[in-house]
Amino acid sequence: MFLKVCLFLLVTSPVVLPGWCFADPAGKEHGHKSAHGGLVQEAEGIKVEFLFDKDGQPKLYLYDGAMKALDRADIATKLTIKGHDGAQYSRDLKAVKDPKEGIVYKGEPIKGLKDWGTAVVSLKIKDRWSHIRFSHH
């Protein structure tokens, strides 16, 4: 009986333990349902959805606590992103009024960015900068 239990644990532990050992510690950042398929984080009571469109253009959408779109063109935004290859890019994101989506912050496309690891979105709200870190796996 003891041998069967040991064999069972030996066989099942590689299946169970890897999921436990390598669980995504930043998994909570993906917890909010996003309207545009981006990653969502929160800072200063504002939820921020970050994504790249198909042309490599970075975009930000701002929401309140209930994920209702905010019409806040008064917030300055910047993006710093690091690719998996070590290249780093920076963009100022400008507020643009879209008739269908409201205010969206857009930056110049980042050509050649195949995959990225870390992005930092900086928001200037009332003369104070807040920084939000996004991770892409």
C-alpha atoms as a PDB file:
ATOM      1  CA  MET A   1       0.000   0.000   0.000  1.00  0.00           C
ATOM      2  CA  PHE A   2       2.789   2.428   0.943  1.00  0.00           C
ATOM      3  CA  LEU A   3       4.499   1.730  -2.373  1.00  0.00           C
ATOM      4  CA  LYS A   4       1.267   2.518  -4.271  1.00  0.00           C
ATOM      5  CA  VAL A   5       0.883   5.847  -2.442  1.00  0.00           C
ATOM      6  CA  CYS A   6       4.509   6.774  -3.136  1.00  0.00           C
ATOM      7  CA  LEU A   7       4.124   5.836  -6.797  1.00  0.00           C
ATOM      8  CA  PHE A   8       0.890   7.861  -7.029  1.00  0.00           C
ATOM      9  CA  LEU A   9       2.606  10.935  -5.530  1.00  0.00           C
ATOM     10  CA  LEU A  10       5.621  10.517  -7.758  1.00  0.00           C
ATOM     11  CA  VAL A  11       3.471  10.305 -10.887  1.00  0.00           C
ATOM     12  CA  THR A  12       1.014  13.103 -10.035  1.00  0.00           C
ATOM     13  CA  SER A  13       3.374  15.633  -8.417  1.00  0.00           C
ATOM     14  CA  PRO A  14       4.956  16.760 -11.723  1.00  0.00           C
ATOM     15  CA  VAL A  15       1.439  17.552 -12.916  1.00  0.00           C
ATOM     16  CA  VAL A  16       0.272  19.345  -9.772  1.00  0.00           C
ATOM     17  CA  LEU A  17       3.435  21.048  -8.543  1.00  0.00           C
ATOM     18  CA  PRO A  18       4.515  22.922 -11.682  1.00  0.00           C
ATOM     19  CA  GLY A  19       1.245  24.860 -11.743  1.00  0.00           C
ATOM     20  CA  TRP A  20       1.662  25.669  -8.085  1.00  0.00           C
ATOM     21  CA  CYS A  21       5.349  26.513  -8.247  1.00  0.00           C
ATOM     22  CA  PHE A  22       5.172  28.690 -11.323  1.00  0.00           C
ATOM     23  CA  ALA A  23       1.848  30.402 -10.737  1.00  0.00           C
ATOM     24  CA  ASP A  24       1.711  33.907 -12.179  1.00  0.00           C
ATOM     25  CA  PRO A  25       2.364  36.253  -9.236  1.00  0.00           C
ATOM     26  CA  ALA A  26       0.974  39.160 -11.265  1.00  0.00           C
ATOM     27  CA  GLY A  27      -2.180  37.245 -12.145  1.00  0.00           C
ATOM     28  CA  LYS A  28      -4.326  39.792 -10.339  1.00  0.00           C
ATOM     29  CA  GLU A  29      -3.522  42.379 -12.974  1.00  0.00           C
ATOM     30  CA  HIS A  30      -5.497  40.313 -15.461  1.00  0.00           C
ATOM     31  CA  GLY A  31      -8.496  40.093 -13.132  1.00  0.00           C
ATOM     32  CA  HIS A  32     -10.471  42.952 -14.635  1.00  0.00           C
ATOM     33  CA  LYS A  33     -12.444  42.283 -17.778  1.00  0.00           C
ATOM     34  CA  SER A  34     -11.182  44.714 -20.387  1.00  0.00           C
ATOM     35  CA  ALA A  35     -13.272  46.229 -23.143  1.00  0.00           C
ATOM     36  CA  HIS A  36     -10.484  46.155 -25.733  1.00  0.00           C
ATOM     37  CA  GLY A  37      -8.582  42.996 -24.792  1.00  0.00           C
ATOM     38  CA  GLY A  38      -5.715  44.783 -23.054  1.00  0.00           C
ATOM     39  CA  LEU A  39      -4.098  44.408 -19.642  1.00  0.00           C
ATOM     40  CA  VAL A  40      -5.670  46.343 -16.755  1.00  0.00           C
ATOM     41  CA  GLN A  41      -3.972  47.865 -13.709  1.00  0.00           C
ATOM     42  CA  GLU A  42      -5.046  50.535 -11.230  1.00  0.00           C
ATOM     43  CA  ALA A  43      -3.389  53.710  -9.916  1.00  0.00           C
ATOM     44  CA  GLU A  44      -4.794  56.712  -8.071  1.00  0.00           C
ATOM     45  CA  GLY A  45      -8.308  55.260  -8.295  1.00  0.00           C
ATOM     46  CA  ILE A  46      -8.123  55.049 -12.092  1.00  0.00           C
ATOM     47  CA  LYS A  47      -8.066  51.735 -13.914  1.00  0.00           C
ATOM     48  CA  VAL A  48      -5.832  51.760 -16.964  1.00  0.00           C
ATOM     49  CA  GLU A  49      -6.167  49.372 -19.906  1.00  0.00           C
ATOM     50  CA  PHE A  50      -2.971  49.062 -21.964  1.00  0.00           C
ATOM     51  CA  LEU A  51      -2.600  47.378 -25.342  1.00  0.00           C
ATOM     52  CA  PHE A  52      -0.998  47.524 -28.767  1.00  0.00           C
ATOM     53  CA  ASP A  53      -3.156  47.519 -31.871  1.00  0.00           C
ATOM     54  CA  LYS A  54      -2.307  45.403 -34.911  1.00  0.00           C
ATOM     55  CA  ASP A  55      -0.080  48.184 -36.321  1.00  0.00           C
ATOM     56  CA  GLY A  56       2.072  48.412 -33.170  1.00  0.00           C
ATOM     57  CA  GLN A  57       0.412  51.585 -31.886  1.00  0.00           C
ATOM     58  CA  PRO A  58       0.243  51.733 -28.073  1.00  0.00           C
ATOM     59  CA  LYS A  59      -3.147  52.644 -26.634  1.00  0.00           C
ATOM     60  CA  LEU A  60      -4.495  53.454 -23.175  1.00  0.00           C
ATOM     61  CA  TYR A  61      -8.078  53.559 -21.990  1.00  0.00           C
ATOM     62  CA  LEU A  62      -8.985  55.020 -18.596  1.00  0.00           C
ATOM     63  CA  TYR A  63     -11.843  53.780 -16.405  1.00  0.00           C
ATOM     64  CA  ASP A  64     -13.334  54.489 -13.008  1.00  0.00           C
ATOM     65  CA  GLY A  65     -13.589  51.833 -10.290  1.00  0.00           C
ATOM     66  CA  ALA A  66     -16.617  50.233 -11.988  1.00  0.00           C
ATOM     67  CA  MET A  67     -14.783  50.031 -15.364  1.00  0.00           C
ATOM     68  CA  LYS A  68     -16.841  52.875 -16.843  1.00  0.00           C
ATOM     69  CA  ALA A  69     -14.872  54.905 -19.408  1.00  0.00           C
ATOM     70  CA  LEU A  70     -13.468  58.196 -18.115  1.00  0.00           C
ATOM     71  CA  ASP A  71     -13.441  61.334 -20.218  1.00  0.00           C
ATOM     72  CA  ARG A  72     -10.122  62.695 -18.862  1.00  0.00           C
ATOM     73  CA  ALA A  73      -8.090  64.409 -21.556  1.00  0.00           C
ATOM     74  CA  ASP A  74      -6.325  66.424 -18.826  1.00  0.00           C
ATOM     75  CA  ILE A  75      -4.003  63.571 -17.791  1.00  0.00           C
ATOM     76  CA  ALA A  76      -0.490  63.495 -19.261  1.00  0.00           C
ATOM     77  CA  THR A  77       0.700  59.996 -20.163  1.00  0.00           C
ATOM     78  CA  LYS A  78       4.022  58.437 -21.123  1.00  0.00           C
ATOM     79  CA  LEU A  79       5.053  54.897 -21.998  1.00  0.00           C
ATOM     80  CA  THR A  80       8.375  53.139 -21.546  1.00  0.00           C
ATOM     81  CA  ILE A  81       8.522  49.591 -22.839  1.00  0.00           C
ATOM     82  CA  LYS A  82      11.250  46.988 -22.864  1.00  0.00           C
ATOM     83  CA  GLY A  83      11.314  44.216 -25.437  1.00  0.00           C
ATOM     84  CA  HIS A  84      12.442  40.691 -24.680  1.00  0.00           C
ATOM     85  CA  ASP A  85      15.509  41.438 -26.827  1.00  0.00           C
ATOM     86  CA  GLY A  86      16.554  44.222 -24.401  1.00  0.00           C
ATOM     87  CA  ALA A  87      15.555  47.128 -26.677  1.00  0.00           C
ATOM     88  CA  GLN A  88      13.777  49.969 -24.887  1.00  0.00           C
ATOM     89  CA  TYR A  89      11.260  52.396 -26.388  1.00  0.00           C
ATOM     90  CA  SER A  90       9.577  55.528 -25.048  1.00  0.00           C
ATOM     91  CA  ARG A  91       6.465  57.262 -26.294  1.00  0.00           C
ATOM     92  CA  ASP A  92       4.362  60.211 -25.219  1.00  0.00           C
ATOM     93  CA  LEU A  93       0.711  59.225 -25.462  1.00  0.00           C
ATOM     94  CA  LYS A  94      -1.748  61.898 -26.552  1.00  0.00           C
ATOM     95  CA  ALA A  95      -5.452  62.031 -25.763  1.00  0.00           C
ATOM     96  CA  VAL A  96      -7.628  61.644 -28.850  1.00  0.00           C
ATOM     97  CA  LYS A  97     -11.415  61.852 -28.868  1.00  0.00           C
ATOM     98  CA  ASP A  98     -12.826  58.846 -30.714  1.00  0.00           C
ATOM     99  CA  PRO A  99     -16.533  59.120 -31.584  1.00  0.00           C
ATOM    100  CA  LYS A 100     -17.151  55.460 -30.710  1.00  0.00           C
ATOM    101  CA  GLU A 101     -14.752  54.929 -27.795  1.00  0.00           C
ATOM    102  CA  GLY A 102     -14.449  58.345 -26.127  1.00  0.00           C
ATOM    103  CA  ILE A 103     -10.975  59.424 -25.001  1.00  0.00           C
ATOM    104  CA  VAL A 104      -8.163  57.082 -25.991  1.00  0.00           C
ATOM    105  CA  TYR A 105      -4.476  57.839 -25.461  1.00  0.00           C
ATOM    106  CA  LYS A 106      -2.359  56.930 -28.486  1.00  0.00           C
ATOM    107  CA  GLY A 107       1.348  56.962 -29.252  1.00  0.00           C
ATOM    108  CA  GLU A 108       3.449  56.601 -32.352  1.00  0.00           C
ATOM    109  CA  PRO A 109       3.630  52.949 -33.479  1.00  0.00           C
ATOM    110  CA  ILE A 110       6.652  50.967 -32.375  1.00  0.00           C
ATOM    111  CA  LYS A 111       7.849  49.284 -35.534  1.00  0.00           C
ATOM    112  CA  GLY A 112       9.611  45.955 -35.232  1.00  0.00           C
ATOM    113  CA  LEU A 113       8.490  45.232 -31.674  1.00  0.00           C
ATOM    114  CA  LYS A 114       7.719  41.537 -31.851  1.00  0.00           C
ATOM    115  CA  ASP A 115       7.237  40.817 -28.170  1.00  0.00           C
ATOM    116  CA  TRP A 116       7.682  42.785 -24.987  1.00  0.00           C
ATOM    117  CA  GLY A 117       8.336  41.947 -21.382  1.00  0.00           C
ATOM    118  CA  THR A 118       7.698  45.051 -19.286  1.00  0.00           C
ATOM    119  CA  ALA A 119       5.840  48.292 -19.912  1.00  0.00           C
ATOM    120  CA  VAL A 120       5.630  51.242 -17.547  1.00  0.00           C
ATOM    121  CA  VAL A 121       2.778  53.671 -18.071  1.00  0.00           C
ATOM    122  CA  SER A 122       3.247  56.995 -16.318  1.00  0.00           C
ATOM    123  CA  LEU A 123       0.223  59.172 -15.563  1.00  0.00           C
ATOM    124  CA  LYS A 124       0.504  62.789 -14.448  1.00  0.00           C
ATOM    125  CA  ILE A 125      -2.545  63.583 -12.336  1.00  0.00           C
ATOM    126  CA  LYS A 126      -2.687  66.934 -10.495  1.00  0.00           C
ATOM    127  CA  ASP A 127       1.062  67.659 -10.847  1.00  0.00           C
ATOM    128  CA  ARG A 128       2.053  64.207  -9.540  1.00  0.00           C
ATOM    129  CA  TRP A 129       3.323  61.266 -11.561  1.00  0.00           C
ATOM    130  CA  SER A 130       2.103  57.717 -10.903  1.00  0.00           C
ATOM    131  CA  HIS A 131       3.759  54.736 -12.556  1.00  0.00           C
ATOM    132  CA  ILE A 132       1.994  51.507 -13.465  1.00  0.00           C
ATOM    133  CA  ARG A 133       3.934  48.391 -14.418  1.00  0.00           C
ATOM    134  CA  PHE A 134       2.523  45.893 -16.895  1.00  0.00           C
ATOM    135  CA  SER A 135       4.069  42.497 -17.606  1.00  0.00           C
ATOM    136  CA  HIS A 136       3.600  40.514 -20.777  1.00  0.00           C
ATOM    137  CA  HIS A 137       4.462  36.847 -20.803  1.00  0.00           C
END
